[in-house]
N, C-alpha and C. Protein backbone atom coordinates (compact mmCIF):
# COMPACT_ATOMS: atom_id res chain seq x y z
N MET A 1 0.82 -1.17 0.06
CA MET A 1 -0.05 0.03 0.02
C MET A 1 0.90 1.24 0.04
N THR A 2 0.57 2.24 -0.89
CA THR A 2 1.37 3.40 -0.92
C THR A 2 1.06 4.38 0.25
N GLU A 3 1.87 5.33 0.44
CA GLU A 3 1.66 6.27 1.41
C GLU A 3 0.27 6.98 1.23
N ALA A 4 -0.02 7.46 0.01
CA ALA A 4 -1.18 8.16 -0.31
C ALA A 4 -2.44 7.20 -0.04
N GLU A 5 -2.36 5.87 -0.37
CA GLU A 5 -3.45 4.99 -0.13
C GLU A 5 -3.69 4.74 1.37
N PHE A 6 -2.53 4.61 2.10
CA PHE A 6 -2.70 4.42 3.56
C PHE A 6 -3.44 5.67 4.21
N TRP A 7 -3.00 6.85 3.86
CA TRP A 7 -3.48 8.03 4.46
C TRP A 7 -4.96 8.36 3.98
N ASN A 8 -5.28 7.90 2.76
CA ASN A 8 -6.63 8.06 2.25
C ASN A 8 -7.57 7.07 3.17
N LYS A 9 -7.09 5.92 3.39
CA LYS A 9 -7.86 4.91 4.16
C LYS A 9 -7.94 5.48 5.58
N ALA A 10 -6.84 5.93 6.18
CA ALA A 10 -6.85 6.51 7.52
C ALA A 10 -7.84 7.67 7.60
N ARG A 11 -7.91 8.60 6.59
CA ARG A 11 -8.88 9.67 6.64
C ARG A 11 -10.31 9.10 6.59
N GLU A 12 -10.55 8.18 5.80
CA GLU A 12 -11.96 7.51 5.67
C GLU A 12 -12.29 6.94 7.11
N VAL A 13 -11.34 6.21 7.73
CA VAL A 13 -11.54 5.53 9.02
C VAL A 13 -11.87 6.71 10.03
N GLY A 14 -11.03 7.73 10.07
CA GLY A 14 -11.24 8.78 10.98
C GLY A 14 -12.53 9.50 10.82
N ALA A 15 -13.00 9.74 9.59
CA ALA A 15 -14.28 10.37 9.24
C ALA A 15 -15.51 9.53 9.86
N LYS A 16 -15.35 8.19 9.81
CA LYS A 16 -16.37 7.31 10.38
C LYS A 16 -16.44 7.38 11.92
N ALA A 17 -15.32 7.66 12.53
CA ALA A 17 -15.19 7.50 14.00
C ALA A 17 -15.72 8.79 14.60
N THR A 18 -15.61 9.99 14.00
CA THR A 18 -15.84 11.26 14.60
C THR A 18 -14.94 11.61 15.75
N TRP A 19 -14.91 10.82 16.80
CA TRP A 19 -14.13 11.08 18.01
C TRP A 19 -12.89 10.24 18.03
N ALA A 20 -11.90 10.75 18.58
CA ALA A 20 -10.55 10.01 18.91
C ALA A 20 -10.12 10.39 20.23
N TYR A 21 -9.20 9.67 20.81
CA TYR A 21 -8.67 9.87 22.15
C TYR A 21 -7.18 10.35 21.95
N LEU A 22 -6.91 11.51 22.44
CA LEU A 22 -5.60 12.08 22.42
C LEU A 22 -4.83 11.88 23.74
N ALA A 23 -3.81 11.22 23.69
CA ALA A 23 -2.88 11.03 24.92
C ALA A 23 -1.80 12.07 24.96
N THR A 24 -1.69 12.79 26.08
CA THR A 24 -0.68 13.76 26.27
C THR A 24 0.00 13.23 27.65
N THR A 25 0.89 14.11 28.27
CA THR A 25 1.43 13.75 29.53
C THR A 25 1.59 15.01 30.31
N ILE A 26 1.52 14.75 31.70
CA ILE A 26 1.95 15.72 32.68
C ILE A 26 3.04 15.02 33.46
N GLY A 27 4.25 15.54 33.21
CA GLY A 27 5.43 14.78 33.81
C GLY A 27 5.47 13.33 33.20
N ASN A 28 5.26 12.37 34.15
CA ASN A 28 5.26 10.99 33.65
C ASN A 28 3.87 10.40 33.71
N GLN A 29 2.84 11.22 33.92
CA GLN A 29 1.43 10.82 34.04
C GLN A 29 0.74 11.00 32.68
N PRO A 30 0.25 9.93 32.00
CA PRO A 30 -0.52 10.12 30.84
C PRO A 30 -1.83 10.67 31.07
N LYS A 31 -2.33 11.46 30.20
CA LYS A 31 -3.65 12.07 30.26
C LYS A 31 -4.34 11.88 28.85
N VAL A 32 -5.56 11.36 28.92
CA VAL A 32 -6.31 11.02 27.66
C VAL A 32 -7.59 11.85 27.59
N ARG A 33 -7.83 12.55 26.44
CA ARG A 33 -9.02 13.30 26.27
C ARG A 33 -9.65 13.01 24.91
N VAL A 34 -10.88 13.21 24.83
CA VAL A 34 -11.59 13.02 23.56
C VAL A 34 -11.46 14.27 22.69
N VAL A 35 -11.15 14.12 21.44
CA VAL A 35 -10.98 15.20 20.54
C VAL A 35 -11.65 14.85 19.17
N HIS A 36 -11.90 15.81 18.31
CA HIS A 36 -12.45 15.62 17.02
C HIS A 36 -11.46 16.03 15.95
N PRO A 37 -10.50 15.19 15.60
CA PRO A 37 -9.48 15.59 14.66
C PRO A 37 -9.87 15.59 13.22
N ALA A 38 -8.98 16.09 12.37
CA ALA A 38 -9.23 16.07 10.95
C ALA A 38 -7.87 15.66 10.23
N ILE A 39 -7.92 14.72 9.37
CA ILE A 39 -6.72 14.34 8.67
C ILE A 39 -6.74 14.99 7.30
N GLU A 40 -5.58 15.59 6.98
CA GLU A 40 -5.34 16.24 5.69
C GLU A 40 -4.04 15.71 5.10
N GLY A 41 -4.09 14.85 4.15
CA GLY A 41 -2.80 14.21 3.74
C GLY A 41 -2.18 13.39 4.82
N THR A 42 -0.94 13.73 5.16
CA THR A 42 -0.32 13.02 6.24
C THR A 42 -0.23 13.93 7.53
N ARG A 43 -1.03 14.95 7.51
CA ARG A 43 -1.11 15.83 8.70
C ARG A 43 -2.43 15.63 9.37
N VAL A 44 -2.30 15.72 10.68
CA VAL A 44 -3.49 15.53 11.53
C VAL A 44 -3.69 16.82 12.35
N TRP A 45 -4.89 17.41 12.27
CA TRP A 45 -5.17 18.65 12.91
C TRP A 45 -6.17 18.38 14.08
N VAL A 46 -5.96 19.13 15.11
CA VAL A 46 -6.94 19.20 16.36
C VAL A 46 -7.12 20.68 16.65
N ALA A 47 -8.40 21.09 16.75
CA ALA A 47 -8.72 22.39 17.14
C ALA A 47 -9.03 22.26 18.63
N THR A 48 -8.48 23.20 19.35
CA THR A 48 -8.64 23.21 20.87
C THR A 48 -8.40 24.59 21.41
N GLY A 49 -8.90 24.86 22.60
CA GLY A 49 -8.67 26.11 23.24
C GLY A 49 -7.14 26.33 23.53
N ARG A 50 -6.57 27.39 23.21
CA ARG A 50 -5.21 27.73 23.32
C ARG A 50 -4.82 27.69 24.81
N SER A 51 -5.74 27.82 25.71
CA SER A 51 -5.41 27.85 27.11
C SER A 51 -5.87 26.54 27.82
N SER A 52 -6.13 25.49 26.97
CA SER A 52 -6.65 24.26 27.52
C SER A 52 -5.51 23.50 28.18
N ALA A 53 -5.80 22.54 29.05
CA ALA A 53 -4.80 21.70 29.74
C ALA A 53 -3.97 20.94 28.55
N LYS A 54 -4.64 20.44 27.58
CA LYS A 54 -3.98 19.72 26.56
C LYS A 54 -2.95 20.51 25.87
N ALA A 55 -3.35 21.78 25.70
CA ALA A 55 -2.38 22.77 24.95
C ALA A 55 -1.15 23.04 25.81
N ARG A 56 -1.31 23.22 27.11
CA ARG A 56 -0.22 23.40 28.02
C ARG A 56 0.66 22.19 28.00
N GLN A 57 0.03 20.96 28.00
CA GLN A 57 0.80 19.73 28.04
C GLN A 57 1.65 19.45 26.75
N VAL A 58 1.07 19.87 25.65
CA VAL A 58 1.81 19.73 24.35
C VAL A 58 3.01 20.69 24.32
N VAL A 59 2.83 21.82 24.88
CA VAL A 59 3.96 22.71 24.97
C VAL A 59 5.08 22.16 25.83
N GLN A 60 4.74 21.52 26.89
CA GLN A 60 5.79 20.90 27.74
C GLN A 60 6.38 19.65 27.17
N ASN A 61 5.58 18.88 26.52
CA ASN A 61 6.05 17.61 25.84
C ASN A 61 5.23 17.34 24.60
N PRO A 62 5.85 17.52 23.44
CA PRO A 62 5.04 17.44 22.18
C PRO A 62 4.73 15.97 21.74
N ARG A 63 5.22 14.99 22.51
CA ARG A 63 4.98 13.59 22.06
C ARG A 63 3.43 13.26 22.48
N VAL A 64 2.75 12.83 21.45
CA VAL A 64 1.34 12.49 21.60
C VAL A 64 1.00 11.19 20.85
N GLU A 65 -0.16 10.67 21.23
CA GLU A 65 -0.63 9.50 20.49
C GLU A 65 -2.17 9.74 20.38
N LEU A 66 -2.66 9.40 19.17
CA LEU A 66 -4.11 9.55 18.91
C LEU A 66 -4.63 8.25 18.59
N PHE A 67 -5.82 7.84 19.23
CA PHE A 67 -6.38 6.53 18.89
C PHE A 67 -7.81 6.70 18.61
N TYR A 68 -8.17 6.06 17.44
CA TYR A 68 -9.59 5.98 17.06
C TYR A 68 -10.05 4.46 17.18
N GLN A 69 -11.25 4.30 17.50
CA GLN A 69 -11.92 2.93 17.45
C GLN A 69 -13.26 3.13 16.77
N ILE A 70 -13.46 2.35 15.73
CA ILE A 70 -14.62 2.67 14.86
C ILE A 70 -15.53 1.46 14.88
N GLY A 71 -16.78 1.76 15.26
CA GLY A 71 -17.94 0.82 15.12
C GLY A 71 -17.76 -0.64 15.52
N SER A 72 -18.74 -1.38 15.20
CA SER A 72 -18.88 -2.78 15.53
C SER A 72 -17.72 -3.62 14.96
N ASP A 73 -17.09 -3.18 13.94
CA ASP A 73 -15.99 -3.89 13.24
C ASP A 73 -14.72 -3.68 14.18
N MET A 74 -14.79 -2.71 15.02
CA MET A 74 -13.64 -2.39 15.93
C MET A 74 -12.40 -2.13 15.10
N VAL A 75 -12.51 -1.34 14.17
CA VAL A 75 -11.35 -0.88 13.41
C VAL A 75 -10.50 0.10 14.29
N HIS A 76 -9.23 -0.09 14.33
CA HIS A 76 -8.40 0.74 15.23
C HIS A 76 -7.38 1.44 14.35
N LEU A 77 -7.28 2.79 14.56
CA LEU A 77 -6.29 3.66 13.94
C LEU A 77 -5.51 4.29 15.11
N THR A 78 -4.23 4.08 15.13
CA THR A 78 -3.38 4.70 16.13
C THR A 78 -2.33 5.58 15.41
N ILE A 79 -2.22 6.83 15.78
CA ILE A 79 -1.22 7.76 15.20
C ILE A 79 -0.33 8.29 16.32
N THR A 80 1.00 8.07 16.12
CA THR A 80 1.97 8.45 17.06
C THR A 80 2.86 9.59 16.48
N GLY A 81 3.08 10.60 17.15
CA GLY A 81 3.92 11.64 16.61
C GLY A 81 4.22 12.84 17.60
N ARG A 82 4.46 13.92 17.01
CA ARG A 82 4.73 15.19 17.70
C ARG A 82 3.71 16.21 17.40
N ALA A 83 3.29 16.97 18.35
CA ALA A 83 2.29 18.00 18.14
C ALA A 83 2.94 19.38 18.38
N ARG A 84 2.39 20.33 17.70
CA ARG A 84 2.84 21.71 17.93
C ARG A 84 1.64 22.58 17.49
N PHE A 85 1.68 23.79 17.98
CA PHE A 85 0.62 24.78 17.63
C PHE A 85 1.08 25.68 16.48
N ILE A 86 0.15 25.87 15.52
CA ILE A 86 0.47 26.70 14.39
C ILE A 86 0.05 28.10 14.74
N GLU A 87 0.95 29.05 14.64
CA GLU A 87 0.68 30.38 15.05
C GLU A 87 0.54 31.30 13.71
N ASP A 88 0.90 30.71 12.62
CA ASP A 88 0.86 31.55 11.38
C ASP A 88 -0.69 31.78 11.05
N PRO A 89 -1.01 33.06 10.96
CA PRO A 89 -2.41 33.47 10.71
C PRO A 89 -2.90 32.98 9.28
N ILE A 90 -2.04 32.92 8.37
CA ILE A 90 -2.38 32.56 6.94
C ILE A 90 -2.81 31.05 7.01
N GLU A 91 -1.95 30.27 7.71
CA GLU A 91 -2.31 28.80 7.81
C GLU A 91 -3.51 28.62 8.62
N LYS A 92 -3.71 29.28 9.71
CA LYS A 92 -4.94 29.08 10.50
C LYS A 92 -6.13 29.50 9.71
N ARG A 93 -6.16 30.48 8.90
CA ARG A 93 -7.14 30.87 8.03
C ARG A 93 -7.40 29.87 6.98
N ARG A 94 -6.39 29.34 6.39
CA ARG A 94 -6.53 28.31 5.31
C ARG A 94 -7.21 27.02 5.85
N VAL A 95 -6.85 26.58 7.03
CA VAL A 95 -7.52 25.41 7.65
C VAL A 95 -8.93 25.70 8.04
N TRP A 96 -9.15 26.91 8.59
CA TRP A 96 -10.46 27.34 9.02
C TRP A 96 -11.40 27.40 7.83
N GLU A 97 -11.02 28.22 6.80
CA GLU A 97 -11.90 28.47 5.64
C GLU A 97 -11.89 27.28 4.64
N GLY A 98 -10.90 26.37 4.73
CA GLY A 98 -10.86 25.23 3.84
C GLY A 98 -11.75 24.12 4.30
N LYS A 99 -12.45 24.28 5.38
CA LYS A 99 -13.36 23.35 5.91
C LYS A 99 -12.66 22.00 6.06
N ILE A 100 -11.48 22.03 6.63
CA ILE A 100 -10.70 20.68 6.94
C ILE A 100 -11.51 19.94 7.89
N PHE A 101 -12.04 20.61 8.86
CA PHE A 101 -12.82 20.00 9.95
C PHE A 101 -14.29 19.79 9.47
N ASP A 102 -14.95 18.70 9.90
CA ASP A 102 -16.30 18.46 9.41
C ASP A 102 -17.34 18.99 10.35
N TYR A 103 -16.98 19.96 11.16
CA TYR A 103 -17.90 20.75 11.97
C TYR A 103 -17.62 22.17 11.95
N ASP A 104 -18.51 22.94 12.46
CA ASP A 104 -18.32 24.41 12.42
C ASP A 104 -17.45 24.86 13.63
N LEU A 105 -16.19 25.34 13.27
CA LEU A 105 -15.28 25.70 14.33
C LEU A 105 -15.82 27.00 15.01
N GLY A 106 -16.72 27.74 14.30
CA GLY A 106 -17.36 28.91 14.83
C GLY A 106 -18.25 28.67 16.11
N GLN A 107 -18.61 27.43 16.22
CA GLN A 107 -19.36 27.05 17.54
C GLN A 107 -18.57 27.36 18.76
N PHE A 108 -17.25 27.15 18.60
CA PHE A 108 -16.30 27.24 19.76
C PHE A 108 -15.62 28.59 19.79
N TRP A 109 -15.36 29.10 18.57
CA TRP A 109 -14.61 30.38 18.45
C TRP A 109 -15.36 31.36 17.53
N PRO A 110 -16.45 31.96 18.07
CA PRO A 110 -17.32 32.86 17.27
C PRO A 110 -16.58 33.93 16.61
N GLN A 111 -15.43 34.34 17.14
CA GLN A 111 -14.60 35.42 16.55
C GLN A 111 -13.86 35.01 15.30
N GLY A 112 -13.84 33.75 15.10
CA GLY A 112 -13.17 33.17 13.96
C GLY A 112 -11.75 32.70 14.17
N HIS A 113 -11.08 32.58 13.03
CA HIS A 113 -9.73 31.97 13.09
C HIS A 113 -8.67 32.98 13.82
N ASP A 114 -9.16 34.24 13.98
CA ASP A 114 -8.29 35.28 14.61
C ASP A 114 -8.48 35.26 16.16
N SER A 115 -9.40 34.49 16.66
CA SER A 115 -9.68 34.40 18.10
C SER A 115 -8.42 34.10 18.81
N LYS A 116 -8.06 34.73 19.91
CA LYS A 116 -6.83 34.46 20.62
C LYS A 116 -6.86 33.12 21.25
N ASP A 117 -8.08 32.54 21.49
CA ASP A 117 -8.11 31.17 22.13
C ASP A 117 -8.23 30.03 21.13
N PHE A 118 -8.27 30.44 19.80
CA PHE A 118 -8.31 29.34 18.89
C PHE A 118 -6.96 28.70 18.70
N GLY A 119 -6.83 27.47 19.13
CA GLY A 119 -5.56 26.79 19.04
C GLY A 119 -5.69 25.74 17.93
N LEU A 120 -4.78 25.91 16.90
CA LEU A 120 -4.74 24.92 15.87
C LEU A 120 -3.46 24.02 16.08
N MET A 121 -3.74 22.79 16.55
CA MET A 121 -2.67 21.89 16.80
C MET A 121 -2.41 20.97 15.62
N LEU A 122 -1.19 20.95 15.22
CA LEU A 122 -0.75 20.04 14.17
C LEU A 122 -0.05 18.87 14.70
N ILE A 123 -0.55 17.62 14.47
CA ILE A 123 0.11 16.43 14.88
C ILE A 123 0.94 15.94 13.60
N GLU A 124 2.24 15.89 13.74
CA GLU A 124 3.09 15.39 12.72
C GLU A 124 3.42 13.91 12.94
N PRO A 125 2.72 13.00 12.26
CA PRO A 125 2.89 11.51 12.53
C PRO A 125 4.26 11.04 12.20
N GLU A 126 4.73 10.14 13.14
CA GLU A 126 5.96 9.42 12.94
C GLU A 126 5.62 8.03 12.64
N LYS A 127 4.47 7.54 13.09
CA LYS A 127 4.04 6.20 12.85
C LYS A 127 2.50 6.18 12.95
N ALA A 128 1.93 5.35 12.15
CA ALA A 128 0.47 5.09 12.19
C ALA A 128 0.19 3.60 11.89
N GLU A 129 -0.78 3.00 12.68
CA GLU A 129 -1.21 1.70 12.49
C GLU A 129 -2.65 1.62 12.30
N LEU A 130 -3.09 0.73 11.41
CA LEU A 130 -4.49 0.50 11.14
C LEU A 130 -4.76 -0.95 11.20
N THR A 131 -5.75 -1.37 11.91
CA THR A 131 -6.08 -2.81 12.04
C THR A 131 -7.55 -2.91 12.38
N SER A 132 -8.05 -4.19 12.51
CA SER A 132 -9.48 -4.35 12.97
C SER A 132 -9.48 -5.55 13.81
N LEU A 133 -10.54 -5.69 14.65
CA LEU A 133 -10.64 -6.92 15.56
C LEU A 133 -10.66 -8.16 14.71
N ALA A 134 -11.25 -8.21 13.58
CA ALA A 134 -11.20 -9.45 12.69
C ALA A 134 -9.84 -9.69 12.26
N GLU A 135 -9.04 -8.75 11.80
CA GLU A 135 -7.63 -8.98 11.46
C GLU A 135 -6.78 -9.47 12.68
N MET A 136 -7.05 -8.87 13.83
CA MET A 136 -6.30 -9.22 15.02
C MET A 136 -6.53 -10.68 15.40
N THR A 137 -7.80 -11.11 15.30
CA THR A 137 -8.16 -12.52 15.70
C THR A 137 -7.65 -13.51 14.66
N GLN A 138 -7.31 -13.04 13.46
CA GLN A 138 -6.72 -13.94 12.43
C GLN A 138 -5.15 -13.88 12.47
N GLY A 139 -4.64 -13.12 13.44
CA GLY A 139 -3.16 -12.98 13.59
C GLY A 139 -2.50 -12.11 12.54
N LYS A 140 -3.32 -11.31 11.85
CA LYS A 140 -2.71 -10.34 10.78
C LYS A 140 -2.08 -9.21 11.49
N ARG A 141 -0.98 -8.83 10.95
CA ARG A 141 -0.30 -7.63 11.46
C ARG A 141 -1.04 -6.37 10.99
N PRO A 142 -1.02 -5.26 11.81
CA PRO A 142 -1.60 -4.08 11.37
C PRO A 142 -0.92 -3.49 10.07
N GLU A 143 -1.69 -2.74 9.35
CA GLU A 143 -1.07 -1.95 8.26
C GLU A 143 -0.31 -0.87 8.93
N LEU A 144 0.93 -0.65 8.57
CA LEU A 144 1.79 0.26 9.20
C LEU A 144 2.43 1.26 8.26
N TRP A 145 2.40 2.52 8.70
CA TRP A 145 3.06 3.59 7.98
C TRP A 145 4.08 4.22 8.98
N GLN A 146 5.30 4.44 8.51
CA GLN A 146 6.28 5.16 9.31
C GLN A 146 6.93 6.18 8.47
N VAL A 147 7.38 7.20 9.14
CA VAL A 147 8.18 8.22 8.46
C VAL A 147 9.44 7.70 8.02
N ALA A 148 9.90 8.04 6.83
CA ALA A 148 11.13 7.53 6.32
C ALA A 148 12.30 7.99 7.15
N LYS A 149 13.28 7.17 7.45
CA LYS A 149 14.35 7.61 8.23
C LYS A 149 15.63 7.86 7.42
């Protein structure tokens, strides 16, 4: 499977899931929260309050993991990488106006992409795995994507 095929499949899986679980850390304590990410190519976006606990944690430790579980087929998508906040107003506007997210960001930031509390988190994947319960019970290995080293 090519990189483009893997990420197209990952985007389809993510769109079916709606919600994912984002793991960050405080010191050595993992913290997991529900988020509604968007996958664009090989980039993963999370919109969150810039003053949120997860935002503070990402600044302290950019290592994150995102986990999706989808439906009765129990499809699993895990994305491991580094997160950072995008401060470039042009990129924030592009993502906002490009409807990368499948919900109205204005529900949370009525002032728009220029809102001081609109945090646009970019997760840059280093590894992603895609599998299902059926594949796991058959002993199949997950489909794996890794950044070229």
